[in-house]
Amino acid sequence: MKGDSWYGYIYPKALDVMPLPKIFTPDIAAHSAFSLDDTGDIFFTGGVAGGYGILFLPEYSREYMLGLLNSRLLEWFNRRIATQMRGGYYSYEARFIRNLPIIVSTRESTLHSRMVGLVEQMLALQARRAAAQNPQELELLARQIEATDRAIDALVYQLYGLSEAEIKIVEG
């Protein structure tokens, strides 16, 4: 390693892509926990108790993909293919998430625009919740977050063409 802080990096892997905008996920989680780093300022470790960054080509919207990846449908799918850990945790390692069935929608489509709008709304609500000071505001934001989450799931079900019976299975 070179430089004064050579000891700061044990394994210099992917240092060229870490500062890029990305979606990242912990490699082990109780549920889908994909997050957006739209500036490239967030770094994380890999391996056990670390995480994975997902880079997208410019023609793909990170917000659209974030909505899909955090949906109940793709979480349901991941639980069928991923390793289950003790305590109800699942693996979100690359070998599993790369097999998730992603429906790519063009930026011009109505569904794409609605998904991006809902995800942007969710990100804004989450930021407001992090800054909230009083219990009433926290309760209101929790209800708005839950409603937005349900709207994203409904949009994903529509995008994937699920029937009412299939939705009941996913929501089990």
C-alpha atoms as a PDB file:
ATOM      1  CA  MET A   1       0.000   0.000   0.000  1.00  0.00           C
ATOM      2  CA  LYS A   2       1.162   3.512  -0.722  1.00  0.00           C
ATOM      3  CA  GLY A   3       0.719   6.746   1.195  1.00  0.00           C
ATOM      4  CA  ASP A   4       0.601   7.825   4.812  1.00  0.00           C
ATOM      5  CA  SER A   5      -2.622   5.926   5.546  1.00  0.00           C
ATOM      6  CA  TRP A   6      -1.627   2.600   3.997  1.00  0.00           C
ATOM      7  CA  TYR A   7      -2.911   0.751   7.075  1.00  0.00           C
ATOM      8  CA  GLY A   8      -6.450   2.035   6.439  1.00  0.00           C
ATOM      9  CA  TYR A   9      -7.074  -0.524   3.723  1.00  0.00           C
ATOM     10  CA  ILE A  10      -6.527  -4.185   4.400  1.00  0.00           C
ATOM     11  CA  TYR A  11      -7.688  -5.397   1.007  1.00  0.00           C
ATOM     12  CA  PRO A  12      -7.705  -2.801  -1.768  1.00  0.00           C
ATOM     13  CA  LYS A  13     -10.638  -4.231  -3.699  1.00  0.00           C
ATOM     14  CA  ALA A  14     -13.139  -2.080  -5.616  1.00  0.00           C
ATOM     15  CA  LEU A  15     -11.679   1.191  -4.361  1.00  0.00           C
ATOM     16  CA  ASP A  16     -12.186   2.641  -7.834  1.00  0.00           C
ATOM     17  CA  VAL A  17     -15.964   2.047  -7.753  1.00  0.00           C
ATOM     18  CA  MET A  18     -16.696   2.824  -4.092  1.00  0.00           C
ATOM     19  CA  PRO A  19     -16.932   6.596  -4.690  1.00  0.00           C
ATOM     20  CA  LEU A  20     -19.539   6.141  -7.451  1.00  0.00           C
ATOM     21  CA  PRO A  21     -23.306   6.550  -6.992  1.00  0.00           C
ATOM     22  CA  LYS A  22     -24.796   3.154  -6.166  1.00  0.00           C
ATOM     23  CA  ILE A  23     -27.413   1.104  -4.431  1.00  0.00           C
ATOM     24  CA  PHE A  24     -26.084  -0.939  -1.569  1.00  0.00           C
ATOM     25  CA  THR A  25     -27.349  -3.672   0.706  1.00  0.00           C
ATOM     26  CA  PRO A  26     -26.071  -5.469   3.768  1.00  0.00           C
ATOM     27  CA  ASP A  27     -25.106  -9.009   2.862  1.00  0.00           C
ATOM     28  CA  ILE A  28     -27.214 -10.426   5.729  1.00  0.00           C
ATOM     29  CA  ALA A  29     -30.524  -8.823   6.733  1.00  0.00           C
ATOM     30  CA  ALA A  30     -33.927  -9.700   8.143  1.00  0.00           C
ATOM     31  CA  HIS A  31     -35.621  -8.073   5.154  1.00  0.00           C
ATOM     32  CA  SER A  32     -34.770  -6.116   2.041  1.00  0.00           C
ATOM     33  CA  ALA A  33     -32.706  -3.127   3.111  1.00  0.00           C
ATOM     34  CA  PHE A  34     -31.398  -1.672  -0.133  1.00  0.00           C
ATOM     35  CA  SER A  35     -30.278   1.946   0.191  1.00  0.00           C
ATOM     36  CA  LEU A  36     -29.379   4.687  -2.238  1.00  0.00           C
ATOM     37  CA  ASP A  37     -26.056   6.467  -2.264  1.00  0.00           C
ATOM     38  CA  ASP A  38     -26.704   9.013  -4.994  1.00  0.00           C
ATOM     39  CA  THR A  39     -23.485  10.969  -4.372  1.00  0.00           C
ATOM     40  CA  GLY A  40     -20.932   8.178  -3.934  1.00  0.00           C
ATOM     41  CA  ASP A  41     -20.025   9.432  -0.458  1.00  0.00           C
ATOM     42  CA  ILE A  42     -20.916   6.231   1.416  1.00  0.00           C
ATOM     43  CA  PHE A  43     -18.378   3.439   1.752  1.00  0.00           C
ATOM     44  CA  PHE A  44     -18.871   0.024   3.310  1.00  0.00           C
ATOM     45  CA  THR A  45     -17.006  -3.168   3.912  1.00  0.00           C
ATOM     46  CA  GLY A  46     -17.550  -6.385   2.024  1.00  0.00           C
ATOM     47  CA  GLY A  47     -17.946  -9.903   3.295  1.00  0.00           C
ATOM     48  CA  VAL A  48     -19.712 -11.141   6.404  1.00  0.00           C
ATOM     49  CA  ALA A  49     -21.556  -8.287   8.137  1.00  0.00           C
ATOM     50  CA  GLY A  50     -20.542  -6.040   5.274  1.00  0.00           C
ATOM     51  CA  GLY A  51     -22.420  -5.227   2.153  1.00  0.00           C
ATOM     52  CA  TYR A  52     -22.561  -5.017  -1.585  1.00  0.00           C
ATOM     53  CA  GLY A  53     -22.754  -2.078  -3.925  1.00  0.00           C
ATOM     54  CA  ILE A  54     -24.758  -2.307  -7.113  1.00  0.00           C
ATOM     55  CA  LEU A  55     -23.739  -0.066  -9.972  1.00  0.00           C
ATOM     56  CA  PHE A  56     -26.100   0.668 -12.841  1.00  0.00           C
ATOM     57  CA  LEU A  57     -25.492   1.845 -16.366  1.00  0.00           C
ATOM     58  CA  PRO A  58     -26.642   5.450 -16.922  1.00  0.00           C
ATOM     59  CA  GLU A  59     -29.746   4.382 -18.841  1.00  0.00           C
ATOM     60  CA  TYR A  60     -31.133   2.692 -15.700  1.00  0.00           C
ATOM     61  CA  SER A  61     -32.657   4.747 -12.922  1.00  0.00           C
ATOM     62  CA  ARG A  62     -31.302   3.907  -9.467  1.00  0.00           C
ATOM     63  CA  GLU A  63     -34.558   5.135  -7.908  1.00  0.00           C
ATOM     64  CA  TYR A  64     -36.618   2.803 -10.097  1.00  0.00           C
ATOM     65  CA  MET A  65     -34.367  -0.136  -9.228  1.00  0.00           C
ATOM     66  CA  LEU A  66     -34.454   0.783  -5.529  1.00  0.00           C
ATOM     67  CA  GLY A  67     -38.249   0.571  -5.596  1.00  0.00           C
ATOM     68  CA  LEU A  68     -38.124  -2.883  -7.155  1.00  0.00           C
ATOM     69  CA  LEU A  69     -35.390  -4.223  -4.889  1.00  0.00           C
ATOM     70  CA  ASN A  70     -37.146  -3.102  -1.691  1.00  0.00           C
ATOM     71  CA  SER A  71     -40.558  -4.359  -2.796  1.00  0.00           C
ATOM     72  CA  ARG A  72     -42.337  -7.179  -1.001  1.00  0.00           C
ATOM     73  CA  LEU A  73     -42.375  -9.171  -4.238  1.00  0.00           C
ATOM     74  CA  LEU A  74     -38.610  -9.238  -4.766  1.00  0.00           C
ATOM     75  CA  GLU A  75     -38.059  -9.804  -1.034  1.00  0.00           C
ATOM     76  CA  TRP A  76     -40.450 -12.776  -1.277  1.00  0.00           C
ATOM     77  CA  PHE A  77     -38.501 -14.071  -4.258  1.00  0.00           C
ATOM     78  CA  ASN A  78     -35.140 -13.650  -2.515  1.00  0.00           C
ATOM     79  CA  ARG A  79     -36.399 -15.628   0.488  1.00  0.00           C
ATOM     80  CA  ARG A  80     -37.017 -18.559  -1.852  1.00  0.00           C
ATOM     81  CA  ILE A  81     -33.519 -18.590  -3.344  1.00  0.00           C
ATOM     82  CA  ALA A  82     -31.231 -17.181  -0.630  1.00  0.00           C
ATOM     83  CA  THR A  83     -29.662 -18.870   2.344  1.00  0.00           C
ATOM     84  CA  GLN A  84     -31.703 -18.464   5.514  1.00  0.00           C
ATOM     85  CA  MET A  85     -29.704 -17.748   8.653  1.00  0.00           C
ATOM     86  CA  ARG A  86     -30.548 -18.228  12.293  1.00  0.00           C
ATOM     87  CA  GLY A  87     -32.991 -15.654  13.649  1.00  0.00           C
ATOM     88  CA  GLY A  88     -34.842 -15.122  10.379  1.00  0.00           C
ATOM     89  CA  TYR A  89     -32.030 -13.400   8.533  1.00  0.00           C
ATOM     90  CA  TYR A  90     -31.427 -13.938   4.830  1.00  0.00           C
ATOM     91  CA  SER A  91     -28.435 -13.570   2.591  1.00  0.00           C
ATOM     92  CA  TYR A  92     -28.430 -10.683   0.144  1.00  0.00           C
ATOM     93  CA  GLU A  93     -25.086 -11.683  -1.325  1.00  0.00           C
ATOM     94  CA  ALA A  94     -24.420 -11.017  -4.983  1.00  0.00           C
ATOM     95  CA  ARG A  95     -24.929 -14.683  -5.872  1.00  0.00           C
ATOM     96  CA  PHE A  96     -28.591 -14.349  -4.822  1.00  0.00           C
ATOM     97  CA  ILE A  97     -29.528 -10.783  -5.737  1.00  0.00           C
ATOM     98  CA  ARG A  98     -28.142 -11.193  -9.246  1.00  0.00           C
ATOM     99  CA  ASN A  99     -30.889 -13.779  -9.809  1.00  0.00           C
ATOM    100  CA  LEU A 100     -33.773 -11.520  -8.826  1.00  0.00           C
ATOM    101  CA  PRO A 101     -36.245 -11.089 -11.713  1.00  0.00           C
ATOM    102  CA  ILE A 102     -35.882  -7.425 -12.621  1.00  0.00           C
ATOM    103  CA  ILE A 103     -38.368  -5.993 -15.100  1.00  0.00           C
ATOM    104  CA  VAL A 104     -36.672  -3.114 -16.834  1.00  0.00           C
ATOM    105  CA  SER A 105     -39.007  -0.283 -17.715  1.00  0.00           C
ATOM    106  CA  THR A 106     -38.111   2.556 -20.046  1.00  0.00           C
ATOM    107  CA  ARG A 107     -37.746   6.005 -18.528  1.00  0.00           C
ATOM    108  CA  GLU A 108     -40.584   7.166 -20.781  1.00  0.00           C
ATOM    109  CA  SER A 109     -43.156   4.735 -19.377  1.00  0.00           C
ATOM    110  CA  THR A 110     -45.844   5.848 -16.948  1.00  0.00           C
ATOM    111  CA  LEU A 111     -45.040   3.013 -14.533  1.00  0.00           C
ATOM    112  CA  HIS A 112     -41.392   4.012 -14.492  1.00  0.00           C
ATOM    113  CA  SER A 113     -42.252   7.647 -13.747  1.00  0.00           C
ATOM    114  CA  ARG A 114     -44.687   6.655 -10.998  1.00  0.00           C
ATOM    115  CA  MET A 115     -42.089   4.349  -9.404  1.00  0.00           C
ATOM    116  CA  VAL A 116     -39.394   7.024  -9.441  1.00  0.00           C
ATOM    117  CA  GLY A 117     -41.831   9.558  -7.964  1.00  0.00           C
ATOM    118  CA  LEU A 118     -42.864   7.208  -5.153  1.00  0.00           C
ATOM    119  CA  VAL A 119     -39.255   6.300  -4.348  1.00  0.00           C
ATOM    120  CA  GLU A 120     -38.263   9.974  -4.273  1.00  0.00           C
ATOM    121  CA  GLN A 121     -41.224  10.603  -1.951  1.00  0.00           C
ATOM    122  CA  MET A 122     -40.080   7.718   0.271  1.00  0.00           C
ATOM    123  CA  LEU A 123     -36.512   9.046   0.421  1.00  0.00           C
ATOM    124  CA  ALA A 124     -37.799  12.496   1.405  1.00  0.00           C
ATOM    125  CA  LEU A 125     -40.065  11.012   4.087  1.00  0.00           C
ATOM    126  CA  GLN A 126     -37.192   8.950   5.495  1.00  0.00           C
ATOM    127  CA  ALA A 127     -34.997  12.063   5.654  1.00  0.00           C
ATOM    128  CA  ARG A 128     -37.766  13.962   7.446  1.00  0.00           C
ATOM    129  CA  ARG A 129     -38.193  11.063   9.894  1.00  0.00           C
ATOM    130  CA  ALA A 130     -34.470  11.111  10.703  1.00  0.00           C
ATOM    131  CA  ALA A 131     -34.730  14.816  11.549  1.00  0.00           C
ATOM    132  CA  ALA A 132     -38.094  14.644  13.377  1.00  0.00           C
ATOM    133  CA  GLN A 133     -38.125  15.784  16.976  1.00  0.00           C
ATOM    134  CA  ASN A 134     -41.543  15.098  18.438  1.00  0.00           C
ATOM    135  CA  PRO A 135     -43.677  11.953  18.740  1.00  0.00           C
ATOM    136  CA  GLN A 136     -46.623  13.385  16.784  1.00  0.00           C
ATOM    137  CA  GLU A 137     -44.437  14.184  13.811  1.00  0.00           C
ATOM    138  CA  LEU A 138     -42.800  10.743  14.005  1.00  0.00           C
ATOM    139  CA  GLU A 139     -46.235   9.057  14.059  1.00  0.00           C
ATOM    140  CA  LEU A 140     -47.457  11.061  11.058  1.00  0.00           C
ATOM    141  CA  LEU A 141     -44.296  10.272   9.109  1.00  0.00           C
ATOM    142  CA  ALA A 142     -44.543   6.564   9.999  1.00  0.00           C
ATOM    143  CA  ARG A 143     -48.075   6.472   8.532  1.00  0.00           C
ATOM    144  CA  GLN A 144     -46.963   8.325   5.392  1.00  0.00           C
ATOM    145  CA  ILE A 145     -43.991   5.962   4.963  1.00  0.00           C
ATOM    146  CA  GLU A 146     -46.250   2.929   5.352  1.00  0.00           C
ATOM    147  CA  ALA A 147     -48.720   4.299   2.781  1.00  0.00           C
ATOM    148  CA  THR A 148     -45.928   5.064   0.321  1.00  0.00           C
ATOM    149  CA  ASP A 149     -44.479   1.587   0.828  1.00  0.00           C
ATOM    150  CA  ARG A 150     -47.893   0.039   0.073  1.00  0.00           C
ATOM    151  CA  ALA A 151     -48.187   2.197  -3.061  1.00  0.00           C
ATOM    152  CA  ILE A 152     -44.769   1.018  -4.275  1.00  0.00           C
ATOM    153  CA  ASP A 153     -45.741  -2.619  -3.672  1.00  0.00           C
ATOM    154  CA  ALA A 154     -49.037  -2.128  -5.545  1.00  0.00           C
ATOM    155  CA  LEU A 155     -47.143  -0.631  -8.468  1.00  0.00           C
ATOM    156  CA  VAL A 156     -44.674  -3.550  -8.483  1.00  0.00           C
ATOM    157  CA  TYR A 157     -47.561  -6.048  -8.452  1.00  0.00           C
ATOM    158  CA  GLN A 158     -49.057  -4.213 -11.433  1.00  0.00           C
ATOM    159  CA  LEU A 159     -45.709  -4.131 -13.254  1.00  0.00           C
ATOM    160  CA  TYR A 160     -45.243  -7.886 -12.765  1.00  0.00           C
ATOM    161  CA  GLY A 161     -48.878  -8.633 -13.624  1.00  0.00           C
ATOM    162  CA  LEU A 162     -49.740 -10.422 -10.375  1.00  0.00           C
ATOM    163  CA  SER A 163     -53.281 -11.605  -9.777  1.00  0.00           C
ATOM    164  CA  GLU A 164     -55.081 -11.036  -6.473  1.00  0.00           C
ATOM    165  CA  ALA A 165     -54.386 -14.666  -5.527  1.00  0.00           C
ATOM    166  CA  GLU A 166     -50.669 -14.259  -6.239  1.00  0.00           C
ATOM    167  CA  ILE A 167     -50.550 -11.028  -4.207  1.00  0.00           C
ATOM    168  CA  LYS A 168     -52.084 -12.880  -1.249  1.00  0.00           C
ATOM    169  CA  ILE A 169     -49.334 -15.505  -1.499  1.00  0.00           C
ATOM    170  CA  VAL A 170     -46.602 -12.827  -1.525  1.00  0.00           C
ATOM    171  CA  GLU A 171     -48.153 -10.963   1.368  1.00  0.00           C
ATOM    172  CA  GLY A 172     -48.789 -14.346   3.064  1.00  0.00           C
END
